[in-house]
């Protein structure tokens, strides 16, 4: 059983503005568009929903994460994709966040966007988190 515990974000993601990577070293933000809440809280809530309920008799593992990228990436020609990169650590239920993890892995996924809008980006990023959660469940099953 996996339970979301604590999530942090990279400094570039700490604000409320929604990022767009227009070039490898250029990050701009959607004008007038902001996240509905802190990315730490939104990410924890999404992982809680994706990891779901498990049988109470299963051992609980806690999931901590550091969000490294959560953005739109312009791909030229008007196309774009959502990009999510998150460092995940899985520990035993009673372990400190600073204890050696049972699993430590960086997950990086992308999802296509139909149109380059803040709304389409949030939907595509949600799919990205779903993909990471599915990969995490598979990796944690081997612990």
N, C-alpha and C. Protein backbone atom coordinates (compact mmCIF):
# COMPACT_ATOMS: atom_id res chain seq x y z
N UNK A 1 0.86 -1.17 0.00
CA UNK A 1 0.00 0.00 0.00
C UNK A 1 0.90 1.22 0.00
N UNK A 2 0.63 2.16 -0.88
CA UNK A 2 1.39 3.40 -0.98
C UNK A 2 0.54 4.57 -0.51
N UNK A 3 1.17 5.47 0.25
CA UNK A 3 0.46 6.65 0.74
C UNK A 3 1.32 7.88 0.48
N UNK A 4 0.74 8.90 -0.14
CA UNK A 4 1.46 10.15 -0.39
C UNK A 4 1.70 10.86 0.93
N UNK A 5 2.92 11.38 1.12
CA UNK A 5 3.23 12.03 2.39
C UNK A 5 3.65 13.48 2.19
N UNK A 6 4.77 13.74 1.51
CA UNK A 6 5.30 15.09 1.45
C UNK A 6 5.86 15.36 0.05
N UNK A 7 5.50 16.51 -0.50
CA UNK A 7 6.00 16.89 -1.82
C UNK A 7 6.56 18.30 -1.77
N UNK A 8 7.66 18.50 -2.47
CA UNK A 8 8.27 19.82 -2.60
C UNK A 8 8.39 20.11 -4.10
N UNK A 9 8.68 21.38 -4.42
CA UNK A 9 8.84 21.76 -5.82
C UNK A 9 10.13 22.53 -6.00
N UNK A 10 10.69 22.45 -7.20
CA UNK A 10 11.88 23.22 -7.54
C UNK A 10 11.54 24.71 -7.47
N UNK A 11 12.55 25.53 -7.22
CA UNK A 11 12.35 26.96 -7.07
C UNK A 11 11.59 27.59 -8.24
N UNK A 12 11.89 27.16 -9.46
CA UNK A 12 11.23 27.73 -10.64
C UNK A 12 9.73 27.46 -10.66
N UNK A 13 9.28 26.48 -9.87
CA UNK A 13 7.87 26.10 -9.84
C UNK A 13 7.16 26.59 -8.58
N UNK A 14 7.87 27.33 -7.74
CA UNK A 14 7.33 27.71 -6.45
C UNK A 14 6.21 28.76 -6.54
N UNK A 15 6.14 29.50 -7.60
CA UNK A 15 5.10 30.52 -7.74
C UNK A 15 3.80 29.94 -8.27
N UNK A 16 2.84 30.80 -8.43
CA UNK A 16 1.51 30.37 -8.88
C UNK A 16 1.38 30.38 -10.41
N UNK A 17 2.35 30.97 -11.11
CA UNK A 17 2.25 31.08 -12.57
C UNK A 17 2.53 29.74 -13.25
N UNK A 18 1.88 29.53 -14.41
CA UNK A 18 1.98 28.27 -15.15
C UNK A 18 3.08 28.38 -16.19
N UNK A 19 4.14 27.53 -16.11
CA UNK A 19 5.31 27.68 -16.97
C UNK A 19 5.17 27.04 -18.35
N UNK A 20 5.86 27.69 -19.30
CA UNK A 20 5.96 27.20 -20.68
C UNK A 20 7.44 27.26 -21.06
N UNK A 21 7.99 26.12 -21.45
CA UNK A 21 9.38 26.09 -21.90
C UNK A 21 9.38 26.29 -23.42
N UNK A 22 9.90 27.44 -23.83
CA UNK A 22 9.91 27.78 -25.26
C UNK A 22 11.22 27.38 -25.93
N UNK A 23 12.24 27.13 -25.15
CA UNK A 23 13.56 26.68 -25.62
C UNK A 23 14.22 25.97 -24.45
N UNK A 24 15.28 25.20 -24.70
CA UNK A 24 15.90 24.44 -23.60
C UNK A 24 16.28 25.27 -22.38
N UNK A 25 16.62 26.53 -22.57
CA UNK A 25 17.01 27.36 -21.42
C UNK A 25 16.08 28.54 -21.20
N UNK A 26 14.89 28.50 -21.81
CA UNK A 26 13.96 29.62 -21.69
C UNK A 26 12.62 29.16 -21.13
N UNK A 27 12.27 29.74 -19.99
CA UNK A 27 11.00 29.44 -19.34
C UNK A 27 10.22 30.74 -19.22
N UNK A 28 9.01 30.74 -19.79
CA UNK A 28 8.11 31.88 -19.68
C UNK A 28 6.84 31.39 -19.00
N UNK A 29 5.91 32.28 -18.74
CA UNK A 29 4.69 31.90 -18.03
C UNK A 29 3.47 32.37 -18.79
N UNK A 30 2.40 31.59 -18.71
CA UNK A 30 1.13 32.00 -19.31
C UNK A 30 0.68 33.30 -18.66
N UNK A 31 0.33 34.24 -19.47
CA UNK A 31 -0.15 35.52 -18.96
C UNK A 31 -1.55 35.36 -18.38
N UNK A 32 -1.70 35.75 -17.12
CA UNK A 32 -3.01 35.73 -16.49
C UNK A 32 -3.51 34.36 -16.05
N UNK A 33 -2.69 33.32 -16.20
CA UNK A 33 -3.11 31.97 -15.80
C UNK A 33 -2.27 31.51 -14.61
N UNK A 34 -2.94 30.97 -13.60
CA UNK A 34 -2.23 30.49 -12.42
C UNK A 34 -2.80 29.14 -11.98
N UNK A 35 -1.99 28.42 -11.21
CA UNK A 35 -2.45 27.16 -10.64
C UNK A 35 -3.58 27.44 -9.66
N UNK A 36 -4.43 26.46 -9.46
CA UNK A 36 -5.58 26.61 -8.55
C UNK A 36 -5.16 26.60 -7.08
N UNK A 37 -3.95 26.19 -6.80
CA UNK A 37 -3.42 26.13 -5.43
C UNK A 37 -1.93 25.89 -5.50
N UNK A 38 -1.30 25.61 -4.38
CA UNK A 38 0.14 25.34 -4.40
C UNK A 38 0.38 24.00 -5.10
N UNK A 39 1.45 23.93 -5.89
CA UNK A 39 1.75 22.69 -6.58
C UNK A 39 2.03 21.55 -5.60
N UNK A 40 2.60 21.88 -4.43
CA UNK A 40 2.85 20.84 -3.43
C UNK A 40 1.54 20.17 -3.02
N UNK A 41 0.53 20.99 -2.73
CA UNK A 41 -0.77 20.45 -2.31
C UNK A 41 -1.49 19.75 -3.46
N UNK A 42 -1.47 20.36 -4.64
CA UNK A 42 -2.15 19.76 -5.79
C UNK A 42 -1.54 18.41 -6.14
N UNK A 43 -0.21 18.33 -6.10
CA UNK A 43 0.47 17.09 -6.43
C UNK A 43 0.18 16.01 -5.39
N UNK A 44 0.20 16.37 -4.12
CA UNK A 44 -0.11 15.40 -3.07
C UNK A 44 -1.54 14.87 -3.23
N UNK A 45 -2.49 15.77 -3.48
CA UNK A 45 -3.89 15.35 -3.67
C UNK A 45 -4.03 14.42 -4.87
N UNK A 46 -3.33 14.73 -5.97
CA UNK A 46 -3.42 13.88 -7.17
C UNK A 46 -2.81 12.51 -6.89
N UNK A 47 -1.65 12.48 -6.22
CA UNK A 47 -1.06 11.18 -5.89
C UNK A 47 -1.95 10.40 -4.95
N UNK A 48 -2.56 11.05 -3.98
CA UNK A 48 -3.49 10.35 -3.07
C UNK A 48 -4.61 9.71 -3.87
N UNK A 49 -5.16 10.44 -4.82
CA UNK A 49 -6.24 9.90 -5.65
C UNK A 49 -5.76 8.74 -6.53
N UNK A 50 -4.57 8.88 -7.10
CA UNK A 50 -4.06 7.85 -8.01
C UNK A 50 -3.59 6.60 -7.28
N UNK A 51 -3.02 6.77 -6.10
CA UNK A 51 -2.53 5.60 -5.37
C UNK A 51 -3.67 4.84 -4.72
N UNK A 52 -4.77 5.54 -4.47
CA UNK A 52 -6.01 4.91 -4.03
C UNK A 52 -5.91 4.16 -2.72
N UNK A 53 -6.97 3.47 -2.44
CA UNK A 53 -7.08 2.67 -1.21
C UNK A 53 -6.54 1.27 -1.46
N UNK A 54 -5.93 0.72 -0.47
CA UNK A 54 -5.43 -0.65 -0.53
C UNK A 54 -5.99 -1.44 0.63
N UNK A 55 -5.72 -2.71 0.62
CA UNK A 55 -6.16 -3.58 1.70
C UNK A 55 -5.43 -3.16 2.98
N UNK A 56 -6.16 -2.99 4.05
CA UNK A 56 -5.59 -2.48 5.31
C UNK A 56 -4.51 -3.39 5.87
N UNK A 57 -4.50 -4.65 5.50
CA UNK A 57 -3.49 -5.57 6.04
C UNK A 57 -2.15 -5.45 5.32
N UNK A 58 -2.11 -4.75 4.20
CA UNK A 58 -0.85 -4.59 3.48
C UNK A 58 0.05 -3.61 4.22
N UNK A 59 1.35 -3.82 4.12
CA UNK A 59 2.32 -2.88 4.71
C UNK A 59 2.22 -1.55 3.98
N UNK A 60 2.27 -0.47 4.74
CA UNK A 60 2.19 0.85 4.13
C UNK A 60 3.59 1.38 3.84
N UNK A 61 3.76 1.89 2.66
CA UNK A 61 4.98 2.58 2.24
C UNK A 61 4.57 4.02 1.99
N UNK A 62 5.40 4.96 2.40
CA UNK A 62 5.07 6.37 2.19
C UNK A 62 5.87 6.92 1.02
N UNK A 63 5.24 7.84 0.30
CA UNK A 63 5.82 8.42 -0.90
C UNK A 63 6.10 9.90 -0.66
N UNK A 64 7.36 10.26 -0.83
CA UNK A 64 7.77 11.66 -0.80
C UNK A 64 8.27 12.00 -2.20
N UNK A 65 8.12 13.26 -2.59
CA UNK A 65 8.58 13.62 -3.91
C UNK A 65 9.07 15.05 -4.01
N UNK A 66 9.88 15.29 -5.02
CA UNK A 66 10.36 16.62 -5.34
C UNK A 66 10.08 16.85 -6.81
N UNK A 67 9.19 17.80 -7.08
CA UNK A 67 8.79 18.10 -8.45
C UNK A 67 9.88 18.95 -9.11
N UNK A 68 10.48 18.42 -10.16
CA UNK A 68 11.59 19.08 -10.84
C UNK A 68 11.15 19.84 -12.09
N UNK A 69 10.13 19.33 -12.76
CA UNK A 69 9.58 20.00 -13.96
C UNK A 69 8.10 19.69 -14.04
N UNK A 70 7.32 20.70 -14.39
CA UNK A 70 5.87 20.56 -14.51
C UNK A 70 5.44 21.69 -15.42
N UNK A 71 5.51 21.45 -16.73
CA UNK A 71 5.46 22.55 -17.67
C UNK A 71 4.95 22.12 -19.03
N UNK A 72 4.64 23.13 -19.82
CA UNK A 72 4.37 22.93 -21.24
C UNK A 72 5.70 23.09 -21.97
N UNK A 73 5.94 22.24 -22.95
CA UNK A 73 7.13 22.35 -23.79
C UNK A 73 6.66 22.60 -25.21
N UNK A 74 6.97 23.77 -25.73
CA UNK A 74 6.64 24.08 -27.12
C UNK A 74 7.54 23.26 -28.03
N UNK A 75 6.92 22.62 -29.04
CA UNK A 75 7.67 21.71 -29.91
C UNK A 75 7.79 22.24 -31.34
N UNK A 76 7.41 23.48 -31.55
CA UNK A 76 7.51 24.06 -32.89
C UNK A 76 6.29 23.74 -33.72
N UNK A 77 6.01 24.59 -34.67
CA UNK A 77 4.87 24.37 -35.55
C UNK A 77 3.54 24.47 -34.83
N UNK A 78 3.52 25.10 -33.66
CA UNK A 78 2.27 25.25 -32.91
C UNK A 78 1.92 24.07 -32.03
N UNK A 79 2.73 23.00 -32.05
CA UNK A 79 2.42 21.85 -31.19
C UNK A 79 3.14 21.98 -29.86
N UNK A 80 2.59 21.31 -28.86
CA UNK A 80 3.15 21.37 -27.52
C UNK A 80 2.85 20.06 -26.79
N UNK A 81 3.62 19.83 -25.73
CA UNK A 81 3.41 18.66 -24.89
C UNK A 81 3.59 19.07 -23.44
N UNK A 82 2.93 18.35 -22.56
CA UNK A 82 3.12 18.53 -21.12
C UNK A 82 4.32 17.69 -20.72
N UNK A 83 5.12 18.21 -19.81
CA UNK A 83 6.32 17.53 -19.35
C UNK A 83 6.36 17.55 -17.83
N UNK A 84 6.55 16.37 -17.25
CA UNK A 84 6.61 16.23 -15.79
C UNK A 84 7.85 15.41 -15.44
N UNK A 85 8.63 15.94 -14.51
CA UNK A 85 9.79 15.23 -14.00
C UNK A 85 9.74 15.33 -12.49
N UNK A 86 9.72 14.18 -11.84
CA UNK A 86 9.57 14.16 -10.39
C UNK A 86 10.48 13.10 -9.78
N UNK A 87 11.18 13.51 -8.76
CA UNK A 87 12.02 12.59 -8.00
C UNK A 87 11.16 12.01 -6.88
N UNK A 88 11.09 10.69 -6.82
CA UNK A 88 10.24 10.00 -5.85
C UNK A 88 11.12 9.16 -4.93
N UNK A 89 10.75 9.18 -3.65
CA UNK A 89 11.38 8.29 -2.67
C UNK A 89 10.26 7.55 -1.94
N UNK A 90 10.46 6.26 -1.75
CA UNK A 90 9.50 5.43 -1.02
C UNK A 90 10.21 4.89 0.22
N UNK A 91 9.56 5.06 1.37
CA UNK A 91 10.12 4.61 2.63
C UNK A 91 9.06 3.83 3.41
N UNK A 92 9.50 3.19 4.47
CA UNK A 92 8.57 2.52 5.37
C UNK A 92 7.72 3.54 6.10
N UNK A 93 6.55 3.12 6.56
CA UNK A 93 5.58 4.03 7.16
C UNK A 93 6.13 4.83 8.34
N UNK A 94 6.92 4.24 9.19
CA UNK A 94 7.43 4.94 10.35
C UNK A 94 8.75 5.67 10.12
N UNK A 95 9.28 5.58 8.91
CA UNK A 95 10.59 6.18 8.63
C UNK A 95 10.50 7.68 8.44
N UNK A 96 11.55 8.36 8.85
CA UNK A 96 11.68 9.80 8.62
C UNK A 96 11.85 10.07 7.12
N UNK A 97 11.50 11.28 6.71
CA UNK A 97 11.73 11.70 5.32
C UNK A 97 13.21 11.64 4.97
N UNK A 98 14.07 11.65 5.97
CA UNK A 98 15.50 11.70 5.76
C UNK A 98 16.16 10.32 5.87
N UNK A 99 15.37 9.30 6.17
CA UNK A 99 15.90 7.93 6.23
C UNK A 99 16.20 7.45 4.81
N UNK A 100 17.08 6.48 4.72
CA UNK A 100 17.42 5.91 3.41
C UNK A 100 16.15 5.31 2.79
N UNK A 101 15.84 5.70 1.54
CA UNK A 101 14.62 5.18 0.91
C UNK A 101 14.75 3.72 0.46
N UNK A 102 13.62 3.05 0.42
CA UNK A 102 13.55 1.70 -0.14
C UNK A 102 13.62 1.76 -1.66
N UNK A 103 13.12 2.87 -2.19
CA UNK A 103 13.13 3.12 -3.64
C UNK A 103 13.37 4.61 -3.84
N UNK A 104 14.30 4.94 -4.71
CA UNK A 104 14.55 6.33 -5.09
C UNK A 104 14.71 6.36 -6.60
N UNK A 105 13.85 7.13 -7.26
CA UNK A 105 13.87 7.12 -8.72
C UNK A 105 13.33 8.45 -9.25
N UNK A 106 13.88 8.89 -10.36
CA UNK A 106 13.36 10.06 -11.06
C UNK A 106 12.49 9.56 -12.21
N UNK A 107 11.24 9.98 -12.19
CA UNK A 107 10.29 9.64 -13.25
C UNK A 107 10.14 10.86 -14.15
N UNK A 108 10.20 10.63 -15.45
CA UNK A 108 10.04 11.72 -16.40
C UNK A 108 9.11 11.26 -17.51
N UNK A 109 8.01 11.96 -17.68
CA UNK A 109 7.02 11.58 -18.69
C UNK A 109 6.52 12.83 -19.40
N UNK A 110 5.98 12.60 -20.58
CA UNK A 110 5.36 13.67 -21.37
C UNK A 110 4.03 13.19 -21.90
N UNK A 111 3.15 14.13 -22.17
CA UNK A 111 1.84 13.80 -22.75
C UNK A 111 1.52 14.86 -23.80
N UNK A 112 1.01 14.44 -24.95
CA UNK A 112 0.68 15.41 -25.99
C UNK A 112 -0.49 16.30 -25.57
N UNK A 113 -0.52 17.48 -26.16
CA UNK A 113 -1.62 18.42 -25.93
C UNK A 113 -2.31 18.67 -27.26
N UNK A 114 -3.65 18.73 -27.24
CA UNK A 114 -4.40 19.02 -28.46
C UNK A 114 -4.18 20.45 -28.91
N UNK A 115 -4.18 21.37 -27.96
CA UNK A 115 -3.96 22.79 -28.21
C UNK A 115 -3.08 23.34 -27.09
N UNK A 116 -2.38 24.42 -27.38
CA UNK A 116 -1.49 25.02 -26.38
C UNK A 116 -2.24 26.08 -25.58
N UNK A 117 -2.98 25.62 -24.57
CA UNK A 117 -3.72 26.52 -23.68
C UNK A 117 -3.47 26.07 -22.24
N UNK A 118 -3.66 26.97 -21.27
CA UNK A 118 -3.50 26.54 -19.88
C UNK A 118 -4.42 25.38 -19.50
N UNK A 119 -5.63 25.39 -20.02
CA UNK A 119 -6.59 24.33 -19.70
C UNK A 119 -6.12 22.98 -20.24
N UNK A 120 -5.65 22.97 -21.50
CA UNK A 120 -5.16 21.73 -22.10
C UNK A 120 -3.91 21.25 -21.37
N UNK A 121 -3.08 22.19 -20.94
CA UNK A 121 -1.87 21.83 -20.21
C UNK A 121 -2.20 21.16 -18.88
N UNK A 122 -3.14 21.71 -18.14
CA UNK A 122 -3.47 21.10 -16.84
C UNK A 122 -4.02 19.69 -17.01
N UNK A 123 -4.81 19.46 -18.05
CA UNK A 123 -5.32 18.11 -18.31
C UNK A 123 -4.18 17.16 -18.69
N UNK A 124 -3.26 17.63 -19.52
CA UNK A 124 -2.14 16.78 -19.95
C UNK A 124 -1.20 16.51 -18.77
N UNK A 125 -0.96 17.50 -17.92
CA UNK A 125 -0.12 17.28 -16.74
C UNK A 125 -0.78 16.29 -15.77
N UNK A 126 -2.08 16.33 -15.67
CA UNK A 126 -2.80 15.37 -14.84
C UNK A 126 -2.56 13.95 -15.37
N UNK A 127 -2.60 13.79 -16.70
CA UNK A 127 -2.30 12.48 -17.30
C UNK A 127 -0.86 12.07 -17.00
N UNK A 128 0.06 13.04 -17.01
CA UNK A 128 1.46 12.74 -16.68
C UNK A 128 1.58 12.18 -15.27
N UNK A 129 0.92 12.80 -14.31
CA UNK A 129 0.98 12.32 -12.93
C UNK A 129 0.36 10.92 -12.84
N UNK A 130 -0.69 10.67 -13.59
CA UNK A 130 -1.30 9.33 -13.62
C UNK A 130 -0.29 8.31 -14.13
N UNK A 131 0.48 8.67 -15.17
CA UNK A 131 1.49 7.76 -15.71
C UNK A 131 2.59 7.49 -14.68
N UNK A 132 3.04 8.55 -13.99
CA UNK A 132 4.07 8.37 -12.96
C UNK A 132 3.54 7.47 -11.85
N UNK A 133 2.32 7.69 -11.41
CA UNK A 133 1.74 6.87 -10.34
C UNK A 133 1.66 5.41 -10.76
N UNK A 134 1.30 5.15 -12.00
CA UNK A 134 1.23 3.76 -12.49
C UNK A 134 2.62 3.12 -12.50
N UNK A 135 3.62 3.86 -12.96
CA UNK A 135 5.00 3.34 -12.96
C UNK A 135 5.49 3.11 -11.53
N UNK A 136 5.14 4.04 -10.63
CA UNK A 136 5.54 3.93 -9.24
C UNK A 136 4.91 2.69 -8.59
N UNK A 137 3.64 2.45 -8.84
CA UNK A 137 2.97 1.26 -8.29
C UNK A 137 3.68 0.00 -8.75
N UNK A 138 4.05 -0.04 -10.04
CA UNK A 138 4.74 -1.22 -10.58
C UNK A 138 6.11 -1.38 -9.92
N UNK A 139 6.85 -0.29 -9.77
CA UNK A 139 8.18 -0.36 -9.15
C UNK A 139 8.06 -0.76 -7.66
N UNK A 140 7.09 -0.21 -6.96
CA UNK A 140 6.93 -0.50 -5.54
C UNK A 140 6.47 -1.93 -5.29
N UNK A 141 5.78 -2.51 -6.25
CA UNK A 141 5.32 -3.89 -6.10
C UNK A 141 6.50 -4.86 -5.96
N UNK A 142 7.66 -4.45 -6.46
CA UNK A 142 8.84 -5.32 -6.39
C UNK A 142 9.59 -5.18 -5.06
N UNK A 143 9.16 -4.26 -4.20
CA UNK A 143 9.86 -4.05 -2.92
C UNK A 143 9.57 -5.18 -1.95
